[in-house]
């Protein structure tokens, strides 16, 4: 397994795959953070609307 990962990291295709994986992970973290921030705000808005109804 160690040799496979070492060869993957050294090859051009492996480096590209690792870069895409890191970009996908960064986008996922940013999306989760944004959804949490928006989610709490939306919860507050819907709670206010529900209370006024």
PDB file of N, CA and C in Angstrom:
ATOM      1  N   UNK A   1       0.837  -1.193   0.000  1.00  0.00           N
ATOM      2  CA  UNK A   1       0.000   0.000   0.000  1.00  0.00           C
ATOM      3  C   UNK A   1       0.881   1.255   0.000  1.00  0.00           C
ATOM      4  N   UNK A   2       1.945   1.204   0.790  1.00  0.00           N
ATOM      5  CA  UNK A   2       2.846   2.353   0.871  1.00  0.00           C
ATOM      6  C   UNK A   2       3.500   2.622  -0.483  1.00  0.00           C
ATOM      7  N   UNK A   3       3.930   1.558  -1.154  1.00  0.00           N
ATOM      8  CA  UNK A   3       4.548   1.721  -2.471  1.00  0.00           C
ATOM      9  C   UNK A   3       3.555   2.275  -3.486  1.00  0.00           C
ATOM     10  N   UNK A   4       2.312   1.813  -3.410  1.00  0.00           N
ATOM     11  CA  UNK A   4       1.276   2.310  -4.322  1.00  0.00           C
ATOM     12  C   UNK A   4       1.087   3.810  -4.143  1.00  0.00           C
ATOM     13  N   UNK A   5       0.968   4.259  -2.899  1.00  0.00           N
ATOM     14  CA  UNK A   5       0.772   5.687  -2.634  1.00  0.00           C
ATOM     15  C   UNK A   5       1.993   6.502  -3.045  1.00  0.00           C
ATOM     16  N   UNK A   6       3.186   5.945  -2.824  1.00  0.00           N
ATOM     17  CA  UNK A   6       4.412   6.636  -3.213  1.00  0.00           C
ATOM     18  C   UNK A   6       4.470   6.798  -4.726  1.00  0.00           C
ATOM     19  N   UNK A   7       4.174   5.721  -5.462  1.00  0.00           N
ATOM     20  CA  UNK A   7       4.184   5.791  -6.928  1.00  0.00           C
ATOM     21  C   UNK A   7       3.084   6.707  -7.443  1.00  0.00           C
ATOM     22  N   UNK A   8       1.933   6.694  -6.794  1.00  0.00           N
ATOM     23  CA  UNK A   8       0.833   7.560  -7.196  1.00  0.00           C
ATOM     24  C   UNK A   8       1.219   9.027  -7.025  1.00  0.00           C
ATOM     25  N   UNK A   9       1.872   9.344  -5.928  1.00  0.00           N
ATOM     26  CA  UNK A   9       2.273  10.724  -5.668  1.00  0.00           C
ATOM     27  C   UNK A   9       3.366  11.187  -6.634  1.00  0.00           C
ATOM     28  N   UNK A  10       4.214  10.267  -7.088  1.00  0.00           N
ATOM     29  CA  UNK A  10       5.311  10.635  -7.982  1.00  0.00           C
ATOM     30  C   UNK A  10       4.869  10.779  -9.429  1.00  0.00           C
ATOM     31  N   UNK A  11       3.816  10.080  -9.825  1.00  0.00           N
ATOM     32  CA  UNK A  11       3.388  10.152 -11.224  1.00  0.00           C
ATOM     33  C   UNK A  11       2.594  11.432 -11.472  1.00  0.00           C
ATOM     34  N   UNK A  12       2.566  11.858 -12.703  1.00  0.00           N
ATOM     35  CA  UNK A  12       1.847  13.087 -13.065  1.00  0.00           C
ATOM     36  C   UNK A  12       0.344  12.914 -12.871  1.00  0.00           C
ATOM     37  N   UNK A  13      -0.187  11.764 -13.274  1.00  0.00           N
ATOM     38  CA  UNK A  13      -1.613  11.508 -13.103  1.00  0.00           C
ATOM     39  C   UNK A  13      -1.974  11.446 -11.623  1.00  0.00           C
ATOM     40  N   UNK A  14      -1.092  10.866 -10.842  1.00  0.00           N
ATOM     41  CA  UNK A  14      -1.330  10.779  -9.403  1.00  0.00           C
ATOM     42  C   UNK A  14      -1.334  12.149  -8.751  1.00  0.00           C
ATOM     43  N   UNK A  15      -0.419  12.998  -9.187  1.00  0.00           N
ATOM     44  CA  UNK A  15      -0.363  14.353  -8.632  1.00  0.00           C
ATOM     45  C   UNK A  15      -1.629  15.119  -8.994  1.00  0.00           C
ATOM     46  N   UNK A  16      -2.101  14.937 -10.205  1.00  0.00           N
ATOM     47  CA  UNK A  16      -3.336  15.604 -10.622  1.00  0.00           C
ATOM     48  C   UNK A  16      -4.517  15.094  -9.815  1.00  0.00           C
ATOM     49  N   UNK A  17      -4.571  13.789  -9.596  1.00  0.00           N
ATOM     50  CA  UNK A  17      -5.667  13.212  -8.808  1.00  0.00           C
ATOM     51  C   UNK A  17      -5.636  13.731  -7.376  1.00  0.00           C
ATOM     52  N   UNK A  18      -4.451  13.841  -6.813  1.00  0.00           N
ATOM     53  CA  UNK A  18      -4.322  14.357  -5.448  1.00  0.00           C
ATOM     54  C   UNK A  18      -4.751  15.824  -5.399  1.00  0.00           C
ATOM     55  N   UNK A  19      -4.361  16.600  -6.391  1.00  0.00           N
ATOM     56  CA  UNK A  19      -4.763  18.013  -6.439  1.00  0.00           C
ATOM     57  C   UNK A  19      -6.276  18.149  -6.527  1.00  0.00           C
ATOM     58  N   UNK A  20      -6.898  17.350  -7.384  1.00  0.00           N
ATOM     59  CA  UNK A  20      -8.363  17.394  -7.494  1.00  0.00           C
ATOM     60  C   UNK A  20      -9.018  16.981  -6.185  1.00  0.00           C
ATOM     61  N   UNK A  21      -8.449  16.008  -5.510  1.00  0.00           N
ATOM     62  CA  UNK A  21      -8.984  15.586  -4.215  1.00  0.00           C
ATOM     63  C   UNK A  21      -8.895  16.694  -3.180  1.00  0.00           C
ATOM     64  N   UNK A  22      -7.777  17.397  -3.153  1.00  0.00           N
ATOM     65  CA  UNK A  22      -7.615  18.506  -2.212  1.00  0.00           C
ATOM     66  C   UNK A  22      -8.575  19.652  -2.531  1.00  0.00           C
ATOM     67  N   UNK A  23      -8.764  19.934  -3.810  1.00  0.00           N
ATOM     68  CA  UNK A  23      -9.709  20.985  -4.198  1.00  0.00           C
ATOM     69  C   UNK A  23     -11.124  20.596  -3.790  1.00  0.00           C
ATOM     70  N   UNK A  24     -11.498  19.337  -4.020  1.00  0.00           N
ATOM     71  CA  UNK A  24     -12.836  18.873  -3.642  1.00  0.00           C
ATOM     72  C   UNK A  24     -13.035  18.958  -2.132  1.00  0.00           C
ATOM     73  N   UNK A  25     -12.005  18.603  -1.366  1.00  0.00           N
ATOM     74  CA  UNK A  25     -12.105  18.684   0.094  1.00  0.00           C
ATOM     75  C   UNK A  25     -12.259  20.133   0.544  1.00  0.00           C
ATOM     76  N   UNK A  26     -11.528  21.042  -0.065  1.00  0.00           N
ATOM     77  CA  UNK A  26     -11.632  22.464   0.280  1.00  0.00           C
ATOM     78  C   UNK A  26     -13.025  23.009  -0.040  1.00  0.00           C
ATOM     79  N   UNK A  27     -13.561  22.628  -1.191  1.00  0.00           N
ATOM     80  CA  UNK A  27     -14.911  23.064  -1.557  1.00  0.00           C
ATOM     81  C   UNK A  27     -15.934  22.495  -0.583  1.00  0.00           C
ATOM     82  N   UNK A  28     -15.765  21.238  -0.182  1.00  0.00           N
ATOM     83  CA  UNK A  28     -16.701  20.623   0.763  1.00  0.00           C
ATOM     84  C   UNK A  28     -16.679  21.341   2.107  1.00  0.00           C
ATOM     85  N   UNK A  29     -15.493  21.673   2.599  1.00  0.00           N
ATOM     86  CA  UNK A  29     -15.387  22.385   3.880  1.00  0.00           C
ATOM     87  C   UNK A  29     -16.036  23.766   3.769  1.00  0.00           C
ATOM     88  N   UNK A  30     -15.791  24.459   2.667  1.00  0.00           N
ATOM     89  CA  UNK A  30     -16.395  25.784   2.476  1.00  0.00           C
ATOM     90  C   UNK A  30     -17.917  25.683   2.392  1.00  0.00           C
ATOM     91  N   UNK A  31     -18.425  24.667   1.699  1.00  0.00           N
ATOM     92  CA  UNK A  31     -19.875  24.497   1.572  1.00  0.00           C
ATOM     93  C   UNK A  31     -20.515  24.180   2.920  1.00  0.00           C
ATOM     94  N   UNK A  32     -19.896  23.312   3.689  1.00  0.00           N
ATOM     95  CA  UNK A  32     -20.432  22.969   5.012  1.00  0.00           C
ATOM     96  C   UNK A  32     -20.469  24.200   5.905  1.00  0.00           C
ATOM     97  N   UNK A  33     -19.403  24.979   5.879  1.00  0.00           N
ATOM     98  CA  UNK A  33     -19.350  26.198   6.690  1.00  0.00           C
ATOM     99  C   UNK A  33     -20.434  27.185   6.259  1.00  0.00           C
ATOM    100  N   UNK A  34     -20.600  27.355   4.965  1.00  0.00           N
ATOM    101  CA  UNK A  34     -21.615  28.282   4.456  1.00  0.00           C
ATOM    102  C   UNK A  34     -23.018  27.801   4.805  1.00  0.00           C
ATOM    103  N   UNK A  35     -23.273  26.508   4.671  1.00  0.00           N
ATOM    104  CA  UNK A  35     -24.600  25.975   4.985  1.00  0.00           C
ATOM    105  C   UNK A  35     -24.918  26.125   6.463  1.00  0.00           C
ATOM    106  N   UNK A  36     -23.920  25.968   7.307  1.00  0.00           N
ATOM    107  CA  UNK A  36     -24.158  26.141   8.742  1.00  0.00           C
ATOM    108  C   UNK A  36     -24.505  27.594   9.056  1.00  0.00           C
ATOM    109  N   UNK A  37     -23.808  28.525   8.443  1.00  0.00           N
ATOM    110  CA  UNK A  37     -24.077  29.946   8.687  1.00  0.00           C
ATOM    111  C   UNK A  37     -25.452  30.336   8.155  1.00  0.00           C
ATOM    112  N   UNK A  38     -25.769  29.895   6.960  1.00  0.00           N
ATOM    113  CA  UNK A  38     -27.061  30.213   6.358  1.00  0.00           C
ATOM    114  C   UNK A  38     -28.179  29.476   7.086  1.00  0.00           C
ATOM    115  N   UNK A  39     -27.919  28.248   7.500  1.00  0.00           N
ATOM    116  CA  UNK A  39     -28.936  27.444   8.171  1.00  0.00           C
ATOM    117  C   UNK A  39     -29.428  28.064   9.455  1.00  0.00           C
ATOM    118  N   UNK A  40     -28.535  28.591  10.262  1.00  0.00           N
ATOM    119  CA  UNK A  40     -28.960  29.209  11.515  1.00  0.00           C
ATOM    120  C   UNK A  40     -29.754  30.486  11.249  1.00  0.00           C
ATOM    121  N   UNK A  41     -29.377  31.236  10.238  1.00  0.00           N
ATOM    122  CA  UNK A  41     -30.118  32.439   9.869  1.00  0.00           C
ATOM    123  C   UNK A  41     -31.505  32.103   9.355  1.00  0.00           C
ATOM    124  N   UNK A  42     -31.604  31.076   8.521  1.00  0.00           N
ATOM    125  CA  UNK A  42     -32.910  30.665   8.003  1.00  0.00           C
ATOM    126  C   UNK A  42     -33.798  30.116   9.108  1.00  0.00           C
ATOM    127  N   UNK A  43     -33.210  29.405  10.032  1.00  0.00           N
ATOM    128  CA  UNK A  43     -33.980  28.878  11.155  1.00  0.00           C
ATOM    129  C   UNK A  43     -34.608  30.017  11.940  1.00  0.00           C
ATOM    130  N   UNK A  44     -33.854  31.063  12.157  1.00  0.00           N
ATOM    131  CA  UNK A  44     -34.360  32.228  12.879  1.00  0.00           C
ATOM    132  C   UNK A  44     -35.498  32.900  12.114  1.00  0.00           C
ATOM    133  N   UNK A  45     -35.347  33.031  10.808  1.00  0.00           N
ATOM    134  CA  UNK A  45     -36.382  33.657   9.980  1.00  0.00           C
ATOM    135  C   UNK A  45     -37.667  32.837  10.018  1.00  0.00           C
ATOM    136  N   UNK A  46     -37.561  31.528   9.844  1.00  0.00           N
ATOM    137  CA  UNK A  46     -38.753  30.684   9.849  1.00  0.00           C
ATOM    138  C   UNK A  46     -39.401  30.638  11.229  1.00  0.00           C
ATOM    139  N   UNK A  47     -38.599  30.703  12.266  1.00  0.00           N
ATOM    140  CA  UNK A  47     -39.159  30.738  13.620  1.00  0.00           C
ATOM    141  C   UNK A  47     -39.970  32.024  13.818  1.00  0.00           C
ATOM    142  N   UNK A  48     -39.434  33.139  13.360  1.00  0.00           N
ATOM    143  CA  UNK A  48     -40.139  34.420  13.468  1.00  0.00           C
ATOM    144  C   UNK A  48     -41.442  34.393  12.671  1.00  0.00           C
ATOM    145  N   UNK A  49     -41.389  33.859  11.465  1.00  0.00           N
ATOM    146  CA  UNK A  49     -42.593  33.770  10.635  1.00  0.00           C
ATOM    147  C   UNK A  49     -43.631  32.877  11.306  1.00  0.00           C
ATOM    148  N   UNK A  50     -43.190  31.738  11.826  1.00  0.00           N
ATOM    149  CA  UNK A  50     -44.105  30.824  12.501  1.00  0.00           C
ATOM    150  C   UNK A  50     -44.738  31.443  13.732  1.00  0.00           C
ATOM    151  N   UNK A  51     -43.979  32.224  14.458  1.00  0.00           N
ATOM    152  CA  UNK A  51     -44.494  32.879  15.662  1.00  0.00           C
ATOM    153  C   UNK A  51     -45.545  33.931  15.296  1.00  0.00           C
ATOM    154  N   UNK A  52     -45.290  34.681  14.237  1.00  0.00           N
ATOM    155  CA  UNK A  52     -46.222  35.740  13.840  1.00  0.00           C
ATOM    156  C   UNK A  52     -47.494  35.185  13.209  1.00  0.00           C
ATOM    157  N   UNK A  53     -47.418  33.990  12.662  1.00  0.00           N
ATOM    158  CA  UNK A  53     -48.619  33.385  12.079  1.00  0.00           C
ATOM    159  C   UNK A  53     -49.512  32.886  13.191  1.00  0.00           C
TER     160      UNK A  53
END
